[in-house]
Amino acid sequence: MTPEAQNAVLSAVAPPEMGKVSGLFNVFRYLGGAAFAAGFSAALSVGAGLSLMGALAGLCLPAMPGAPRAP
């Protein structure tokens, strides 16, 4: 990573959180983002599955009495 990227990352956070962000940035730089990409893909898949299950559950709920119907 270039110094410009590190500067952009560190300037985007509040001063009390710079230590955490710096450590996280260094871990990503060290690992090359491989662990992050694998974990992110899995988390995104789980989130999509949960969203789909929630939408299907919402479709199965009975309508509220007296609620206006959609056109």
PDB file of N, CA and C in Angstrom:
ATOM      1  N   MET A   1       0.841  -1.172   0.000  1.00  0.00           N
ATOM      2  CA  MET A   1       0.000   0.000   0.000  1.00  0.00           C
ATOM      3  C   MET A   1       0.889   1.239   0.000  1.00  0.00           C
ATOM      4  N   THR A   2       0.346   2.246  -0.581  1.00  0.00           N
ATOM      5  CA  THR A   2       1.110   3.485  -0.693  1.00  0.00           C
ATOM      6  C   THR A   2       0.875   4.355   0.535  1.00  0.00           C
ATOM      7  N   PRO A   3       1.777   5.294   0.775  1.00  0.00           N
ATOM      8  CA  PRO A   3       1.560   6.221   1.892  1.00  0.00           C
ATOM      9  C   PRO A   3       0.270   7.038   1.731  1.00  0.00           C
ATOM     10  N   GLU A   4      -0.120   7.290   0.482  1.00  0.00           N
ATOM     11  CA  GLU A   4      -1.352   8.039   0.249  1.00  0.00           C
ATOM     12  C   GLU A   4      -2.567   7.265   0.742  1.00  0.00           C
ATOM     13  N   ALA A   5      -2.562   5.954   0.524  1.00  0.00           N
ATOM     14  CA  ALA A   5      -3.679   5.122   0.991  1.00  0.00           C
ATOM     15  C   ALA A   5      -3.733   5.110   2.506  1.00  0.00           C
ATOM     16  N   GLN A   6      -2.589   4.985   3.152  1.00  0.00           N
ATOM     17  CA  GLN A   6      -2.557   4.986   4.611  1.00  0.00           C
ATOM     18  C   GLN A   6      -3.020   6.334   5.146  1.00  0.00           C
ATOM     19  N   ASN A   7      -2.606   7.401   4.510  1.00  0.00           N
ATOM     20  CA  ASN A   7      -3.024   8.737   4.933  1.00  0.00           C
ATOM     21  C   ASN A   7      -4.533   8.896   4.777  1.00  0.00           C
ATOM     22  N   ALA A   8      -5.086   8.394   3.686  1.00  0.00           N
ATOM     23  CA  ALA A   8      -6.528   8.488   3.470  1.00  0.00           C
ATOM     24  C   ALA A   8      -7.298   7.698   4.523  1.00  0.00           C
ATOM     25  N   VAL A   9      -6.793   6.524   4.859  1.00  0.00           N
ATOM     26  CA  VAL A   9      -7.465   5.695   5.861  1.00  0.00           C
ATOM     27  C   VAL A   9      -7.425   6.372   7.225  1.00  0.00           C
ATOM     28  N   LEU A  10      -6.272   6.843   7.626  1.00  0.00           N
ATOM     29  CA  LEU A  10      -6.129   7.423   8.959  1.00  0.00           C
ATOM     30  C   LEU A  10      -6.800   8.787   9.082  1.00  0.00           C
ATOM     31  N   SER A  11      -6.903   9.533   7.989  1.00  0.00           N
ATOM     32  CA  SER A  11      -7.540  10.853   8.075  1.00  0.00           C
ATOM     33  C   SER A  11      -9.059  10.748   8.089  1.00  0.00           C
ATOM     34  N   ALA A  12      -9.613   9.560   7.811  1.00  0.00           N
ATOM     35  CA  ALA A  12     -11.063   9.384   7.760  1.00  0.00           C
ATOM     36  C   ALA A  12     -11.671   9.019   9.104  1.00  0.00           C
ATOM     37  N   VAL A  13     -10.849   8.886  10.146  1.00  0.00           N
ATOM     38  CA  VAL A  13     -11.374   8.487  11.458  1.00  0.00           C
ATOM     39  C   VAL A  13     -11.037   9.541  12.507  1.00  0.00           C
ATOM     40  N   ALA A  14     -11.759   9.470  13.611  1.00  0.00           N
ATOM     41  CA  ALA A  14     -11.517  10.392  14.726  1.00  0.00           C
ATOM     42  C   ALA A  14     -10.195  10.042  15.408  1.00  0.00           C
ATOM     43  N   PRO A  15      -9.500  11.040  15.942  1.00  0.00           N
ATOM     44  CA  PRO A  15      -8.202  10.788  16.588  1.00  0.00           C
ATOM     45  C   PRO A  15      -8.218   9.703  17.661  1.00  0.00           C
ATOM     46  N   PRO A  16      -9.267   9.570  18.497  1.00  0.00           N
ATOM     47  CA  PRO A  16      -9.222   8.498  19.508  1.00  0.00           C
ATOM     48  C   PRO A  16      -9.244   7.089  18.918  1.00  0.00           C
ATOM     49  N   GLU A  17      -9.666   6.950  17.674  1.00  0.00           N
ATOM     50  CA  GLU A  17      -9.761   5.622  17.069  1.00  0.00           C
ATOM     51  C   GLU A  17      -8.630   5.323  16.096  1.00  0.00           C
ATOM     52  N   MET A  18      -7.649   6.219  15.995  1.00  0.00           N
ATOM     53  CA  MET A  18      -6.559   6.026  15.035  1.00  0.00           C
ATOM     54  C   MET A  18      -5.729   4.791  15.327  1.00  0.00           C
ATOM     55  N   GLY A  19      -5.547   4.453  16.597  1.00  0.00           N
ATOM     56  CA  GLY A  19      -4.757   3.270  16.942  1.00  0.00           C
ATOM     57  C   GLY A  19      -5.407   2.000  16.441  1.00  0.00           C
ATOM     58  N   LYS A  20      -6.721   1.892  16.632  1.00  0.00           N
ATOM     59  CA  LYS A  20      -7.440   0.705  16.165  1.00  0.00           C
ATOM     60  C   LYS A  20      -7.385   0.607  14.640  1.00  0.00           C
ATOM     61  N   VAL A  21      -7.628   1.726  13.980  1.00  0.00           N
ATOM     62  CA  VAL A  21      -7.650   1.724  12.517  1.00  0.00           C
ATOM     63  C   VAL A  21      -6.269   1.444  11.957  1.00  0.00           C
ATOM     64  N   SER A  22      -5.247   1.988  12.581  1.00  0.00           N
ATOM     65  CA  SER A  22      -3.884   1.731  12.125  1.00  0.00           C
ATOM     66  C   SER A  22      -3.546   0.246  12.239  1.00  0.00           C
ATOM     67  N   GLY A  23      -3.930  -0.369  13.360  1.00  0.00           N
ATOM     68  CA  GLY A  23      -3.678  -1.801  13.529  1.00  0.00           C
ATOM     69  C   GLY A  23      -4.432  -2.631  12.518  1.00  0.00           C
ATOM     70  N   LEU A  24      -5.684  -2.283  12.285  1.00  0.00           N
ATOM     71  CA  LEU A  24      -6.491  -3.000  11.301  1.00  0.00           C
ATOM     72  C   LEU A  24      -5.923  -2.831   9.902  1.00  0.00           C
ATOM     73  N   PHE A  25      -5.515  -1.629   9.573  1.00  0.00           N
ATOM     74  CA  PHE A  25      -4.896  -1.360   8.271  1.00  0.00           C
ATOM     75  C   PHE A  25      -3.641  -2.197   8.086  1.00  0.00           C
ATOM     76  N   ASN A  26      -2.821  -2.288   9.123  1.00  0.00           N
ATOM     77  CA  ASN A  26      -1.587  -3.076   9.024  1.00  0.00           C
ATOM     78  C   ASN A  26      -1.874  -4.567   8.882  1.00  0.00           C
ATOM     79  N   VAL A  27      -2.912  -5.069   9.565  1.00  0.00           N
ATOM     80  CA  VAL A  27      -3.277  -6.479   9.419  1.00  0.00           C
ATOM     81  C   VAL A  27      -3.726  -6.757   7.990  1.00  0.00           C
ATOM     82  N   PHE A  28      -4.572  -5.885   7.429  1.00  0.00           N
ATOM     83  CA  PHE A  28      -5.021  -6.070   6.048  1.00  0.00           C
ATOM     84  C   PHE A  28      -3.843  -6.011   5.084  1.00  0.00           C
ATOM     85  N   ARG A  29      -2.920  -5.105   5.357  1.00  0.00           N
ATOM     86  CA  ARG A  29      -1.752  -4.996   4.494  1.00  0.00           C
ATOM     87  C   ARG A  29      -0.901  -6.251   4.586  1.00  0.00           C
ATOM     88  N   TYR A  30      -0.754  -6.778   5.794  1.00  0.00           N
ATOM     89  CA  TYR A  30       0.056  -7.974   6.003  1.00  0.00           C
ATOM     90  C   TYR A  30      -0.579  -9.205   5.363  1.00  0.00           C
ATOM     91  N   LEU A  31      -1.873  -9.357   5.529  1.00  0.00           N
ATOM     92  CA  LEU A  31      -2.567 -10.529   4.987  1.00  0.00           C
ATOM     93  C   LEU A  31      -2.971 -10.368   3.519  1.00  0.00           C
ATOM     94  N   GLY A  32      -2.858  -9.168   3.022  1.00  0.00           N
ATOM     95  CA  GLY A  32      -3.233  -8.942   1.633  1.00  0.00           C
ATOM     96  C   GLY A  32      -4.739  -8.927   1.433  1.00  0.00           C
ATOM     97  N   GLY A  33      -5.489  -8.829   2.485  1.00  0.00           N
ATOM     98  CA  GLY A  33      -6.939  -8.774   2.364  1.00  0.00           C
ATOM     99  C   GLY A  33      -7.580 -10.121   2.099  1.00  0.00           C
ATOM    100  N   ALA A  34      -6.807 -11.205   2.045  1.00  0.00           N
ATOM    101  CA  ALA A  34      -7.360 -12.524   1.707  1.00  0.00           C
ATOM    102  C   ALA A  34      -8.353 -13.004   2.765  1.00  0.00           C
ATOM    103  N   ALA A  35      -7.989 -12.876   4.030  1.00  0.00           N
ATOM    104  CA  ALA A  35      -8.890 -13.328   5.092  1.00  0.00           C
ATOM    105  C   ALA A  35     -10.143 -12.470   5.129  1.00  0.00           C
ATOM    106  N   PHE A  36      -9.986 -11.190   4.888  1.00  0.00           N
ATOM    107  CA  PHE A  36     -11.135 -10.287   4.875  1.00  0.00           C
ATOM    108  C   PHE A  36     -12.083 -10.647   3.747  1.00  0.00           C
ATOM    109  N   ALA A  37     -11.551 -10.909   2.553  1.00  0.00           N
ATOM    110  CA  ALA A  37     -12.400 -11.211   1.398  1.00  0.00           C
ATOM    111  C   ALA A  37     -13.181 -12.502   1.617  1.00  0.00           C
ATOM    112  N   ALA A  38     -12.546 -13.515   2.169  1.00  0.00           N
ATOM    113  CA  ALA A  38     -13.229 -14.787   2.404  1.00  0.00           C
ATOM    114  C   ALA A  38     -14.320 -14.617   3.456  1.00  0.00           C
ATOM    115  N   GLY A  39     -14.025 -13.923   4.522  1.00  0.00           N
ATOM    116  CA  GLY A  39     -15.010 -13.689   5.567  1.00  0.00           C
ATOM    117  C   GLY A  39     -16.148 -12.794   5.100  1.00  0.00           C
ATOM    118  N   PHE A  40     -15.820 -11.798   4.296  1.00  0.00           N
ATOM    119  CA  PHE A  40     -16.839 -10.882   3.796  1.00  0.00           C
ATOM    120  C   PHE A  40     -17.804 -11.606   2.874  1.00  0.00           C
ATOM    121  N   SER A  41     -17.277 -12.470   2.034  1.00  0.00           N
ATOM    122  CA  SER A  41     -18.128 -13.237   1.120  1.00  0.00           C
ATOM    123  C   SER A  41     -19.088 -14.131   1.893  1.00  0.00           C
ATOM    124  N   ALA A  42     -18.590 -14.792   2.915  1.00  0.00           N
ATOM    125  CA  ALA A  42     -19.443 -15.659   3.724  1.00  0.00           C
ATOM    126  C   ALA A  42     -20.495 -14.833   4.465  1.00  0.00           C
ATOM    127  N   ALA A  43     -20.097 -13.706   5.032  1.00  0.00           N
ATOM    128  CA  ALA A  43     -21.038 -12.854   5.764  1.00  0.00           C
ATOM    129  C   ALA A  43     -22.107 -12.289   4.832  1.00  0.00           C
ATOM    130  N   LEU A  44     -21.717 -11.926   3.627  1.00  0.00           N
ATOM    131  CA  LEU A  44     -22.678 -11.410   2.664  1.00  0.00           C
ATOM    132  C   LEU A  44     -23.678 -12.486   2.259  1.00  0.00           C
ATOM    133  N   SER A  45     -23.217 -13.705   2.093  1.00  0.00           N
ATOM    134  CA  SER A  45     -24.118 -14.814   1.752  1.00  0.00           C
ATOM    135  C   SER A  45     -25.103 -15.090   2.878  1.00  0.00           C
ATOM    136  N   VAL A  46     -24.623 -15.077   4.110  1.00  0.00           N
ATOM    137  CA  VAL A  46     -25.510 -15.298   5.255  1.00  0.00           C
ATOM    138  C   VAL A  46     -26.534 -14.170   5.353  1.00  0.00           C
ATOM    139  N   GLY A  47     -26.088 -12.944   5.170  1.00  0.00           N
ATOM    140  CA  GLY A  47     -26.998 -11.803   5.225  1.00  0.00           C
ATOM    141  C   GLY A  47     -28.066 -11.867   4.144  1.00  0.00           C
ATOM    142  N   ALA A  48     -27.680 -12.270   2.942  1.00  0.00           N
ATOM    143  CA  ALA A  48     -28.647 -12.399   1.851  1.00  0.00           C
ATOM    144  C   ALA A  48     -29.660 -13.499   2.160  1.00  0.00           C
ATOM    145  N   GLY A  49     -29.188 -14.608   2.704  1.00  0.00           N
ATOM    146  CA  GLY A  49     -30.095 -15.706   3.055  1.00  0.00           C
ATOM    147  C   GLY A  49     -31.083 -15.302   4.138  1.00  0.00           C
ATOM    148  N   LEU A  50     -30.600 -14.580   5.147  1.00  0.00           N
ATOM    149  CA  LEU A  50     -31.487 -14.115   6.217  1.00  0.00           C
ATOM    150  C   LEU A  50     -32.504 -13.102   5.688  1.00  0.00           C
ATOM    151  N   SER A  51     -32.077 -12.246   4.787  1.00  0.00           N
ATOM    152  CA  SER A  51     -33.001 -11.278   4.191  1.00  0.00           C
ATOM    153  C   SER A  51     -34.086 -11.984   3.394  1.00  0.00           C
ATOM    154  N   LEU A  52     -33.714 -12.986   2.644  1.00  0.00           N
ATOM    155  CA  LEU A  52     -34.691 -13.745   1.866  1.00  0.00           C
ATOM    156  C   LEU A  52     -35.677 -14.459   2.784  1.00  0.00           C
ATOM    157  N   MET A  53     -35.164 -15.065   3.862  1.00  0.00           N
ATOM    158  CA  MET A  53     -36.056 -15.747   4.806  1.00  0.00           C
ATOM    159  C   MET A  53     -37.012 -14.750   5.468  1.00  0.00           C
ATOM    160  N   GLY A  54     -36.543 -13.566   5.784  1.00  0.00           N
ATOM    161  CA  GLY A  54     -37.395 -12.543   6.374  1.00  0.00           C
ATOM    162  C   GLY A  54     -38.475 -12.083   5.417  1.00  0.00           C
ATOM    163  N   ALA A  55     -38.110 -11.923   4.135  1.00  0.00           N
ATOM    164  CA  ALA A  55     -39.097 -11.520   3.137  1.00  0.00           C
ATOM    165  C   ALA A  55     -40.157 -12.605   2.954  1.00  0.00           C
ATOM    166  N   LEU A  56     -39.735 -13.852   2.914  1.00  0.00           N
ATOM    167  CA  LEU A  56     -40.698 -14.950   2.776  1.00  0.00           C
ATOM    168  C   LEU A  56     -41.596 -15.055   4.004  1.00  0.00           C
ATOM    169  N   ALA A  57     -41.042 -14.858   5.181  1.00  0.00           N
ATOM    170  CA  ALA A  57     -41.851 -14.893   6.397  1.00  0.00           C
ATOM    171  C   ALA A  57     -42.865 -13.757   6.399  1.00  0.00           C
ATOM    172  N   GLY A  58     -42.476 -12.588   5.903  1.00  0.00           N
ATOM    173  CA  GLY A  58     -43.391 -11.460   5.825  1.00  0.00           C
ATOM    174  C   GLY A  58     -44.540 -11.716   4.879  1.00  0.00           C
ATOM    175  N   LEU A  59     -44.276 -12.441   3.806  1.00  0.00           N
ATOM    176  CA  LEU A  59     -45.342 -12.771   2.861  1.00  0.00           C
ATOM    177  C   LEU A  59     -46.341 -13.756   3.451  1.00  0.00           C
ATOM    178  N   CYS A  60     -45.922 -14.537   4.406  1.00  0.00           N
ATOM    179  CA  CYS A  60     -46.797 -15.546   5.006  1.00  0.00           C
ATOM    180  C   CYS A  60     -47.637 -14.997   6.160  1.00  0.00           C
ATOM    181  N   LEU A  61     -47.352 -13.772   6.603  1.00  0.00           N
ATOM    182  CA  LEU A  61     -48.109 -13.205   7.713  1.00  0.00           C
ATOM    183  C   LEU A  61     -49.520 -12.840   7.252  1.00  0.00           C
ATOM    184  N   PRO A  62     -50.501 -13.022   8.123  1.00  0.00           N
ATOM    185  CA  PRO A  62     -51.858 -12.614   7.751  1.00  0.00           C
ATOM    186  C   PRO A  62     -51.970 -11.092   7.733  1.00  0.00           C
ATOM    187  N   ALA A  63     -52.892 -10.598   6.938  1.00  0.00           N
ATOM    188  CA  ALA A  63     -53.114  -9.143   6.863  1.00  0.00           C
ATOM    189  C   ALA A  63     -53.765  -8.659   8.143  1.00  0.00           C
ATOM    190  N   MET A  64     -53.462  -7.432   8.525  1.00  0.00           N
ATOM    191  CA  MET A  64     -54.080  -6.849   9.715  1.00  0.00           C
ATOM    192  C   MET A  64     -55.522  -6.479   9.388  1.00  0.00           C
ATOM    193  N   PRO A  65     -56.459  -6.739  10.288  1.00  0.00           N
ATOM    194  CA  PRO A  65     -57.845  -6.360  10.031  1.00  0.00           C
ATOM    195  C   PRO A  65     -57.973  -4.846   9.942  1.00  0.00           C
ATOM    196  N   GLY A  66     -58.656  -4.388   8.934  1.00  0.00           N
ATOM    197  CA  GLY A  66     -58.888  -2.954   8.765  1.00  0.00           C
ATOM    198  C   GLY A  66     -57.756  -2.229   8.080  1.00  0.00           C
ATOM    199  N   ALA A  67     -56.673  -2.910   7.741  1.00  0.00           N
ATOM    200  CA  ALA A  67     -55.569  -2.261   7.059  1.00  0.00           C
ATOM    201  C   ALA A  67     -55.917  -2.079   5.592  1.00  0.00           C
ATOM    202  N   PRO A  68     -55.572  -0.941   4.991  1.00  0.00           N
ATOM    203  CA  PRO A  68     -55.873  -0.751   3.568  1.00  0.00           C
ATOM    204  C   PRO A  68     -55.060  -1.697   2.707  1.00  0.00           C
ATOM    205  N   ARG A  69     -55.654  -2.175   1.650  1.00  0.00           N
ATOM    206  CA  ARG A  69     -54.955  -3.077   0.733  1.00  0.00           C
ATOM    207  C   ARG A  69     -54.181  -2.279  -0.301  1.00  0.00           C
ATOM    208  N   ALA A  70     -53.066  -2.805  -0.704  1.00  0.00           N
ATOM    209  CA  ALA A  70     -52.277  -2.174  -1.748  1.00  0.00           C
ATOM    210  C   ALA A  70     -52.989  -2.346  -3.083  1.00  0.00           C
ATOM    211  N   PRO A  71     -52.873  -1.351  -3.956  1.00  0.00           N
ATOM    212  CA  PRO A  71     -53.567  -1.472  -5.269  1.00  0.00           C
ATOM    213  C   PRO A  71     -52.992  -2.552  -6.141  1.00  0.00           C
TER     214      PRO A  71
END
